[in-house]
């Protein structure tokens, strides 16, 4: 069995299309898992959701950006911890096609799946005892993650949220964050391919080049709030 893991598309349709084209060329992918933060940061909210929800072999979990935008749409204002992004999330909420709201509200924070004898956990990010997302660990490693998941039954844990790539193989399990698909200082989109053979996951991290000129120009054309900060911090471009 072979799966593709996508995370943190962040409203970047050009990057998503490049990855989906690469997956089609691969030809033998059984299922796709999208691990949240499909929206926010980039301006292509509706286009990304249209593209993803048109696929038949994909499963989703919710990310913090989906939850922050829904928090606004539910009339609850700014979600705690997202104050800096509130104006941007308001802009996303105003532009969001209402037809996608029920879909976003239906998403779980994590899922457990059986993959050819391997039990996998698919969250947006690691959760605490209350089910909320833990603070990002800027320097994760396999030993830390083994302690976090010490009593869990999983052979494979895939996650996102933290935008760099992480891949740790320990005696207990495999941990994979393929890196943010839609946010990179280079013109590449990242995702992961995982082959499951005899219950053993074998990881292949992929980078796909794409032309992001029109995408970056859209921040200006659409007058995206906080665009100078966003393109510098998340795309490595000085405005």
C-alpha atoms as a PDB file:
ATOM      1  CA  UNK A   1       0.000   0.000   0.000  1.00  0.00           C
ATOM      2  CA  UNK A   2       1.227   3.497  -0.794  1.00  0.00           C
ATOM      3  CA  UNK A   3      -0.153   6.723   0.665  1.00  0.00           C
ATOM      4  CA  UNK A   4       0.560  10.416   0.132  1.00  0.00           C
ATOM      5  CA  UNK A   5       0.661  12.823   3.077  1.00  0.00           C
ATOM      6  CA  UNK A   6      -0.067  16.520   2.468  1.00  0.00           C
ATOM      7  CA  UNK A   7      -0.104  19.192   5.131  1.00  0.00           C
ATOM      8  CA  UNK A   8      -0.165  22.973   5.495  1.00  0.00           C
ATOM      9  CA  UNK A   9      -1.253  23.875   1.966  1.00  0.00           C
ATOM     10  CA  UNK A  10      -2.124  27.306   3.333  1.00  0.00           C
ATOM     11  CA  UNK A  11      -4.210  28.663   0.482  1.00  0.00           C
ATOM     12  CA  UNK A  12      -1.560  28.023  -2.185  1.00  0.00           C
ATOM     13  CA  UNK A  13      -3.337  26.542  -5.207  1.00  0.00           C
ATOM     14  CA  UNK A  14      -0.259  26.619  -7.466  1.00  0.00           C
ATOM     15  CA  UNK A  15       1.741  24.502  -5.026  1.00  0.00           C
ATOM     16  CA  UNK A  16      -1.167  22.093  -4.511  1.00  0.00           C
ATOM     17  CA  UNK A  17      -1.622  21.583  -8.246  1.00  0.00           C
ATOM     18  CA  UNK A  18       2.084  20.817  -8.627  1.00  0.00           C
ATOM     19  CA  UNK A  19       1.894  18.152  -5.920  1.00  0.00           C
ATOM     20  CA  UNK A  20      -1.282  16.569  -7.275  1.00  0.00           C
ATOM     21  CA  UNK A  21       0.288  16.432 -10.739  1.00  0.00           C
ATOM     22  CA  UNK A  22       3.309  14.660  -9.264  1.00  0.00           C
ATOM     23  CA  UNK A  23       1.042  12.207  -7.425  1.00  0.00           C
ATOM     24  CA  UNK A  24      -0.810  11.418 -10.655  1.00  0.00           C
ATOM     25  CA  UNK A  25       2.512  10.698 -12.361  1.00  0.00           C
ATOM     26  CA  UNK A  26       3.388   8.321  -9.522  1.00  0.00           C
ATOM     27  CA  UNK A  27       0.294   6.405 -10.535  1.00  0.00           C
ATOM     28  CA  UNK A  28      -0.085   3.864  -7.721  1.00  0.00           C
ATOM     29  CA  UNK A  29      -1.160   5.949  -4.725  1.00  0.00           C
ATOM     30  CA  UNK A  30      -3.941   4.227  -2.784  1.00  0.00           C
ATOM     31  CA  UNK A  31      -4.986   7.125  -0.572  1.00  0.00           C
ATOM     32  CA  UNK A  32      -4.171  10.731   0.285  1.00  0.00           C
ATOM     33  CA  UNK A  33      -4.202  12.191   3.792  1.00  0.00           C
ATOM     34  CA  UNK A  34      -4.502  15.962   4.184  1.00  0.00           C
ATOM     35  CA  UNK A  35      -3.434  17.021   7.669  1.00  0.00           C
ATOM     36  CA  UNK A  36      -4.995  20.443   8.053  1.00  0.00           C
ATOM     37  CA  UNK A  37      -4.246  24.115   7.508  1.00  0.00           C
ATOM     38  CA  UNK A  38      -5.616  23.982   3.996  1.00  0.00           C
ATOM     39  CA  UNK A  39      -6.593  27.651   4.332  1.00  0.00           C
ATOM     40  CA  UNK A  40      -5.050  30.817   5.733  1.00  0.00           C
ATOM     41  CA  UNK A  41      -1.760  32.588   4.924  1.00  0.00           C
ATOM     42  CA  UNK A  42      -2.327  32.165   1.171  1.00  0.00           C
ATOM     43  CA  UNK A  43      -5.341  33.760  -0.559  1.00  0.00           C
ATOM     44  CA  UNK A  44      -6.608  30.755  -2.581  1.00  0.00           C
ATOM     45  CA  UNK A  45      -9.022  29.463   0.070  1.00  0.00           C
ATOM     46  CA  UNK A  46     -11.989  28.495  -2.090  1.00  0.00           C
ATOM     47  CA  UNK A  47      -9.868  27.249  -4.975  1.00  0.00           C
ATOM     48  CA  UNK A  48      -7.842  24.957  -2.704  1.00  0.00           C
ATOM     49  CA  UNK A  49     -10.974  23.574  -1.037  1.00  0.00           C
ATOM     50  CA  UNK A  50     -12.628  23.019  -4.422  1.00  0.00           C
ATOM     51  CA  UNK A  51      -9.575  21.144  -5.670  1.00  0.00           C
ATOM     52  CA  UNK A  52      -9.240  18.958  -2.568  1.00  0.00           C
ATOM     53  CA  UNK A  53     -12.912  18.103  -2.115  1.00  0.00           C
ATOM     54  CA  UNK A  54     -13.152  17.008  -5.754  1.00  0.00           C
ATOM     55  CA  UNK A  55     -10.796  14.099  -4.994  1.00  0.00           C
ATOM     56  CA  UNK A  56     -12.361  10.748  -4.145  1.00  0.00           C
ATOM     57  CA  UNK A  57      -9.430   9.033  -2.384  1.00  0.00           C
ATOM     58  CA  UNK A  58      -8.598  11.566   0.327  1.00  0.00           C
ATOM     59  CA  UNK A  59      -9.183  11.971   4.067  1.00  0.00           C
ATOM     60  CA  UNK A  60      -8.889  15.184   6.073  1.00  0.00           C
ATOM     61  CA  UNK A  61      -8.227  16.510   9.547  1.00  0.00           C
ATOM     62  CA  UNK A  62      -8.646  20.071  10.783  1.00  0.00           C
ATOM     63  CA  UNK A  63      -5.800  22.483  11.425  1.00  0.00           C
ATOM     64  CA  UNK A  64      -5.586  25.537  13.636  1.00  0.00           C
ATOM     65  CA  UNK A  65      -6.269  27.910  10.722  1.00  0.00           C
ATOM     66  CA  UNK A  66      -9.532  26.153   9.872  1.00  0.00           C
ATOM     67  CA  UNK A  67     -10.498  26.328  13.538  1.00  0.00           C
ATOM     68  CA  UNK A  68      -9.578  30.021  13.841  1.00  0.00           C
ATOM     69  CA  UNK A  69     -11.662  30.955  10.793  1.00  0.00           C
ATOM     70  CA  UNK A  70     -14.616  28.878  12.015  1.00  0.00           C
ATOM     71  CA  UNK A  71     -14.284  30.587  15.407  1.00  0.00           C
ATOM     72  CA  UNK A  72     -14.941  33.887  13.632  1.00  0.00           C
ATOM     73  CA  UNK A  73     -17.790  32.493  11.518  1.00  0.00           C
ATOM     74  CA  UNK A  74     -19.388  31.106  14.683  1.00  0.00           C
ATOM     75  CA  UNK A  75     -19.518  34.661  16.070  1.00  0.00           C
ATOM     76  CA  UNK A  76     -16.872  34.041  18.717  1.00  0.00           C
ATOM     77  CA  UNK A  77     -14.280  36.522  17.459  1.00  0.00           C
ATOM     78  CA  UNK A  78     -10.571  35.866  17.713  1.00  0.00           C
ATOM     79  CA  UNK A  79      -9.485  32.405  18.826  1.00  0.00           C
ATOM     80  CA  UNK A  80      -7.024  32.486  21.707  1.00  0.00           C
ATOM     81  CA  UNK A  81      -3.447  32.378  20.521  1.00  0.00           C
ATOM     82  CA  UNK A  82      -4.263  33.747  17.070  1.00  0.00           C
ATOM     83  CA  UNK A  83      -4.423  37.452  17.873  1.00  0.00           C
ATOM     84  CA  UNK A  84      -1.646  38.397  15.453  1.00  0.00           C
ATOM     85  CA  UNK A  85      -3.468  36.714  12.574  1.00  0.00           C
ATOM     86  CA  UNK A  86      -6.971  37.935  13.475  1.00  0.00           C
ATOM     87  CA  UNK A  87      -7.268  40.577  10.730  1.00  0.00           C
ATOM     88  CA  UNK A  88      -6.043  38.078   8.156  1.00  0.00           C
ATOM     89  CA  UNK A  89      -8.442  35.385   9.391  1.00  0.00           C
ATOM     90  CA  UNK A  90     -11.315  37.870   9.192  1.00  0.00           C
ATOM     91  CA  UNK A  91     -10.418  38.467   5.541  1.00  0.00           C
ATOM     92  CA  UNK A  92     -10.338  34.701   4.884  1.00  0.00           C
ATOM     93  CA  UNK A  93     -13.699  34.254   6.649  1.00  0.00           C
ATOM     94  CA  UNK A  94     -15.305  36.993   4.566  1.00  0.00           C
ATOM     95  CA  UNK A  95     -14.121  35.381   1.327  1.00  0.00           C
ATOM     96  CA  UNK A  96     -14.884  31.773   2.253  1.00  0.00           C
ATOM     97  CA  UNK A  97     -17.596  30.174   0.109  1.00  0.00           C
ATOM     98  CA  UNK A  98     -20.342  29.251   2.588  1.00  0.00           C
ATOM     99  CA  UNK A  99     -20.775  25.897   0.847  1.00  0.00           C
ATOM    100  CA  UNK A 100     -17.476  24.768   2.404  1.00  0.00           C
ATOM    101  CA  UNK A 101     -18.427  25.705   5.974  1.00  0.00           C
ATOM    102  CA  UNK A 102     -20.218  22.397   6.787  1.00  0.00           C
ATOM    103  CA  UNK A 103     -17.226  20.475   5.424  1.00  0.00           C
ATOM    104  CA  UNK A 104     -14.795  22.406   7.615  1.00  0.00           C
ATOM    105  CA  UNK A 105     -17.021  21.996  10.666  1.00  0.00           C
ATOM    106  CA  UNK A 106     -17.125  18.225  10.134  1.00  0.00           C
ATOM    107  CA  UNK A 107     -13.366  17.716  10.283  1.00  0.00           C
ATOM    108  CA  UNK A 108     -11.774  15.873  13.226  1.00  0.00           C
ATOM    109  CA  UNK A 109      -8.504  16.996  14.814  1.00  0.00           C
ATOM    110  CA  UNK A 110      -6.970  13.581  14.239  1.00  0.00           C
ATOM    111  CA  UNK A 111      -7.713  10.147  12.835  1.00  0.00           C
ATOM    112  CA  UNK A 112      -6.447   6.622  13.349  1.00  0.00           C
ATOM    113  CA  UNK A 113      -6.151   4.347  10.330  1.00  0.00           C
ATOM    114  CA  UNK A 114      -5.026   0.789   9.632  1.00  0.00           C
ATOM    115  CA  UNK A 115      -2.571   0.554   6.731  1.00  0.00           C
ATOM    116  CA  UNK A 116      -1.642  -2.990   5.699  1.00  0.00           C
ATOM    117  CA  UNK A 117      -0.994  -4.123   9.258  1.00  0.00           C
ATOM    118  CA  UNK A 118       0.423  -0.781  10.401  1.00  0.00           C
ATOM    119  CA  UNK A 119      -1.589   1.411  12.759  1.00  0.00           C
ATOM    120  CA  UNK A 120      -1.173   5.101  11.940  1.00  0.00           C
ATOM    121  CA  UNK A 121      -2.139   8.299  13.726  1.00  0.00           C
ATOM    122  CA  UNK A 122      -2.876  11.321  11.527  1.00  0.00           C
ATOM    123  CA  UNK A 123      -3.241  14.592  13.503  1.00  0.00           C
ATOM    124  CA  UNK A 124      -2.552  18.143  12.400  1.00  0.00           C
ATOM    125  CA  UNK A 125      -0.151  18.276  15.330  1.00  0.00           C
ATOM    126  CA  UNK A 126       0.388  16.506  18.626  1.00  0.00           C
ATOM    127  CA  UNK A 127      -2.451  16.999  21.097  1.00  0.00           C
ATOM    128  CA  UNK A 128      -2.527  17.274  24.881  1.00  0.00           C
ATOM    129  CA  UNK A 129      -4.725  15.489  27.391  1.00  0.00           C
ATOM    130  CA  UNK A 130      -7.628  17.888  26.681  1.00  0.00           C
ATOM    131  CA  UNK A 131      -7.417  17.272  22.931  1.00  0.00           C
ATOM    132  CA  UNK A 132      -5.949  20.708  22.148  1.00  0.00           C
ATOM    133  CA  UNK A 133      -2.823  21.233  20.078  1.00  0.00           C
ATOM    134  CA  UNK A 134       0.423  21.284  22.013  1.00  0.00           C
ATOM    135  CA  UNK A 135       2.814  24.219  21.646  1.00  0.00           C
ATOM    136  CA  UNK A 136       5.234  23.710  18.763  1.00  0.00           C
ATOM    137  CA  UNK A 137       8.506  22.079  19.760  1.00  0.00           C
ATOM    138  CA  UNK A 138      11.106  23.921  17.664  1.00  0.00           C
ATOM    139  CA  UNK A 139      13.637  21.104  18.067  1.00  0.00           C
ATOM    140  CA  UNK A 140      11.826  17.764  17.986  1.00  0.00           C
ATOM    141  CA  UNK A 141      13.579  14.421  17.894  1.00  0.00           C
ATOM    142  CA  UNK A 142      12.657  10.757  18.021  1.00  0.00           C
ATOM    143  CA  UNK A 143      13.421  10.379  21.717  1.00  0.00           C
ATOM    144  CA  UNK A 144      11.086  13.231  22.674  1.00  0.00           C
ATOM    145  CA  UNK A 145       8.331  11.867  20.459  1.00  0.00           C
ATOM    146  CA  UNK A 146       8.756   8.361  21.849  1.00  0.00           C
ATOM    147  CA  UNK A 147       8.176   9.796  25.329  1.00  0.00           C
ATOM    148  CA  UNK A 148       5.119  11.688  24.108  1.00  0.00           C
ATOM    149  CA  UNK A 149       3.621   8.579  22.496  1.00  0.00           C
ATOM    150  CA  UNK A 150       5.043   6.086  25.016  1.00  0.00           C
ATOM    151  CA  UNK A 151       1.760   4.326  25.757  1.00  0.00           C
ATOM    152  CA  UNK A 152       0.259   4.566  22.279  1.00  0.00           C
ATOM    153  CA  UNK A 153      -0.263   1.638  19.884  1.00  0.00           C
ATOM    154  CA  UNK A 154       0.875   3.468  16.740  1.00  0.00           C
ATOM    155  CA  UNK A 155       3.545   2.303  14.304  1.00  0.00           C
ATOM    156  CA  UNK A 156       3.407   5.536  12.313  1.00  0.00           C
ATOM    157  CA  UNK A 157       2.627   9.130  13.313  1.00  0.00           C
ATOM    158  CA  UNK A 158       2.225  11.717  10.541  1.00  0.00           C
ATOM    159  CA  UNK A 159       1.762  15.390  11.395  1.00  0.00           C
ATOM    160  CA  UNK A 160       2.215  18.957  10.178  1.00  0.00           C
ATOM    161  CA  UNK A 161       1.685  22.427  11.710  1.00  0.00           C
ATOM    162  CA  UNK A 162       5.424  23.003  12.202  1.00  0.00           C
ATOM    163  CA  UNK A 163       6.518  23.921   8.681  1.00  0.00           C
ATOM    164  CA  UNK A 164      10.020  22.352   8.477  1.00  0.00           C
ATOM    165  CA  UNK A 165      10.465  18.701   7.484  1.00  0.00           C
ATOM    166  CA  UNK A 166      10.804  16.156  10.307  1.00  0.00           C
ATOM    167  CA  UNK A 167      11.466  12.447   9.875  1.00  0.00           C
ATOM    168  CA  UNK A 168      12.479  10.269  12.794  1.00  0.00           C
ATOM    169  CA  UNK A 169      12.796   6.492  12.885  1.00  0.00           C
ATOM    170  CA  UNK A 170      13.031   4.944  16.347  1.00  0.00           C
ATOM    171  CA  UNK A 171      12.787   1.402  17.665  1.00  0.00           C
ATOM    172  CA  UNK A 172       9.156   2.100  18.501  1.00  0.00           C
ATOM    173  CA  UNK A 173       7.735   3.881  15.474  1.00  0.00           C
ATOM    174  CA  UNK A 174       8.124   6.209  12.480  1.00  0.00           C
ATOM    175  CA  UNK A 175       7.395   9.937  12.769  1.00  0.00           C
ATOM    176  CA  UNK A 176       6.904  12.024   9.623  1.00  0.00           C
ATOM    177  CA  UNK A 177       6.183  15.682   8.986  1.00  0.00           C
ATOM    178  CA  UNK A 178       6.667  16.163   5.208  1.00  0.00           C
ATOM    179  CA  UNK A 179       6.899  19.947   5.654  1.00  0.00           C
ATOM    180  CA  UNK A 180       4.462  22.667   4.688  1.00  0.00           C
ATOM    181  CA  UNK A 181       3.254  22.116   1.137  1.00  0.00           C
ATOM    182  CA  UNK A 182       2.312  25.739   0.519  1.00  0.00           C
ATOM    183  CA  UNK A 183       4.905  27.715   2.497  1.00  0.00           C
ATOM    184  CA  UNK A 184       8.560  27.693   1.567  1.00  0.00           C
ATOM    185  CA  UNK A 185      11.271  30.253   0.883  1.00  0.00           C
ATOM    186  CA  UNK A 186      11.995  28.330  -2.323  1.00  0.00           C
ATOM    187  CA  UNK A 187       9.660  27.617  -5.241  1.00  0.00           C
ATOM    188  CA  UNK A 188       9.027  24.024  -4.187  1.00  0.00           C
ATOM    189  CA  UNK A 189       5.990  22.222  -2.805  1.00  0.00           C
ATOM    190  CA  UNK A 190       6.596  19.393  -0.338  1.00  0.00           C
ATOM    191  CA  UNK A 191       4.732  16.220   0.512  1.00  0.00           C
ATOM    192  CA  UNK A 192       5.440  12.671   1.634  1.00  0.00           C
ATOM    193  CA  UNK A 193       4.998   9.256   0.066  1.00  0.00           C
ATOM    194  CA  UNK A 194       4.847   6.292   2.430  1.00  0.00           C
ATOM    195  CA  UNK A 195       4.992   2.692   1.210  1.00  0.00           C
ATOM    196  CA  UNK A 196       3.597   0.159   3.684  1.00  0.00           C
ATOM    197  CA  UNK A 197       5.016  -3.331   3.145  1.00  0.00           C
ATOM    198  CA  UNK A 198       4.393  -6.067   5.700  1.00  0.00           C
ATOM    199  CA  UNK A 199       3.326  -3.453   8.223  1.00  0.00           C
ATOM    200  CA  UNK A 200       6.604  -1.552   7.836  1.00  0.00           C
ATOM    201  CA  UNK A 201       6.392   2.081   6.610  1.00  0.00           C
ATOM    202  CA  UNK A 202       9.064   3.262   4.173  1.00  0.00           C
ATOM    203  CA  UNK A 203       9.160   7.056   3.788  1.00  0.00           C
ATOM    204  CA  UNK A 204      10.002   9.095   0.680  1.00  0.00           C
ATOM    205  CA  UNK A 205      10.027  12.883   1.068  1.00  0.00           C
ATOM    206  CA  UNK A 206       9.223  14.755  -2.128  1.00  0.00           C
ATOM    207  CA  UNK A 207       9.807  18.298  -3.396  1.00  0.00           C
ATOM    208  CA  UNK A 208       8.111  19.531  -6.568  1.00  0.00           C
ATOM    209  CA  UNK A 209       9.195  22.709  -8.321  1.00  0.00           C
ATOM    210  CA  UNK A 210       6.498  25.137  -9.431  1.00  0.00           C
ATOM    211  CA  UNK A 211       6.163  28.699 -10.702  1.00  0.00           C
ATOM    212  CA  UNK A 212       4.942  30.883  -7.840  1.00  0.00           C
ATOM    213  CA  UNK A 213       5.171  34.306  -9.501  1.00  0.00           C
ATOM    214  CA  UNK A 214       1.418  34.658 -10.074  1.00  0.00           C
ATOM    215  CA  UNK A 215       0.695  33.345  -6.570  1.00  0.00           C
ATOM    216  CA  UNK A 216       2.960  35.926  -4.917  1.00  0.00           C
ATOM    217  CA  UNK A 217       1.566  38.691  -7.138  1.00  0.00           C
ATOM    218  CA  UNK A 218      -1.953  37.786  -5.976  1.00  0.00           C
ATOM    219  CA  UNK A 219      -1.130  39.052  -2.475  1.00  0.00           C
ATOM    220  CA  UNK A 220      -0.789  42.523  -3.984  1.00  0.00           C
ATOM    221  CA  UNK A 221      -3.668  42.217  -6.446  1.00  0.00           C
ATOM    222  CA  UNK A 222      -6.085  41.082  -3.728  1.00  0.00           C
ATOM    223  CA  UNK A 223      -4.734  43.483  -1.096  1.00  0.00           C
ATOM    224  CA  UNK A 224      -4.280  40.611   1.369  1.00  0.00           C
ATOM    225  CA  UNK A 225      -4.057  41.889   4.969  1.00  0.00           C
ATOM    226  CA  UNK A 226      -0.565  41.654   6.465  1.00  0.00           C
ATOM    227  CA  UNK A 227       0.810  40.610   3.086  1.00  0.00           C
ATOM    228  CA  UNK A 228       4.268  42.142   3.683  1.00  0.00           C
ATOM    229  CA  UNK A 229       4.717  40.096   6.859  1.00  0.00           C
ATOM    230  CA  UNK A 230       3.295  36.929   5.293  1.00  0.00           C
ATOM    231  CA  UNK A 231       5.402  36.857   2.141  1.00  0.00           C
ATOM    232  CA  UNK A 232       8.568  37.610   4.114  1.00  0.00           C
ATOM    233  CA  UNK A 233       8.066  35.121   6.952  1.00  0.00           C
ATOM    234  CA  UNK A 234       6.298  32.290   5.123  1.00  0.00           C
ATOM    235  CA  UNK A 235       7.664  32.622   1.588  1.00  0.00           C
ATOM    236  CA  UNK A 236      11.066  34.184   2.171  1.00  0.00           C
ATOM    237  CA  UNK A 237      10.419  37.212  -0.047  1.00  0.00           C
ATOM    238  CA  UNK A 238      11.255  40.774   0.964  1.00  0.00           C
ATOM    239  CA  UNK A 239       8.302  42.940  -0.153  1.00  0.00           C
END
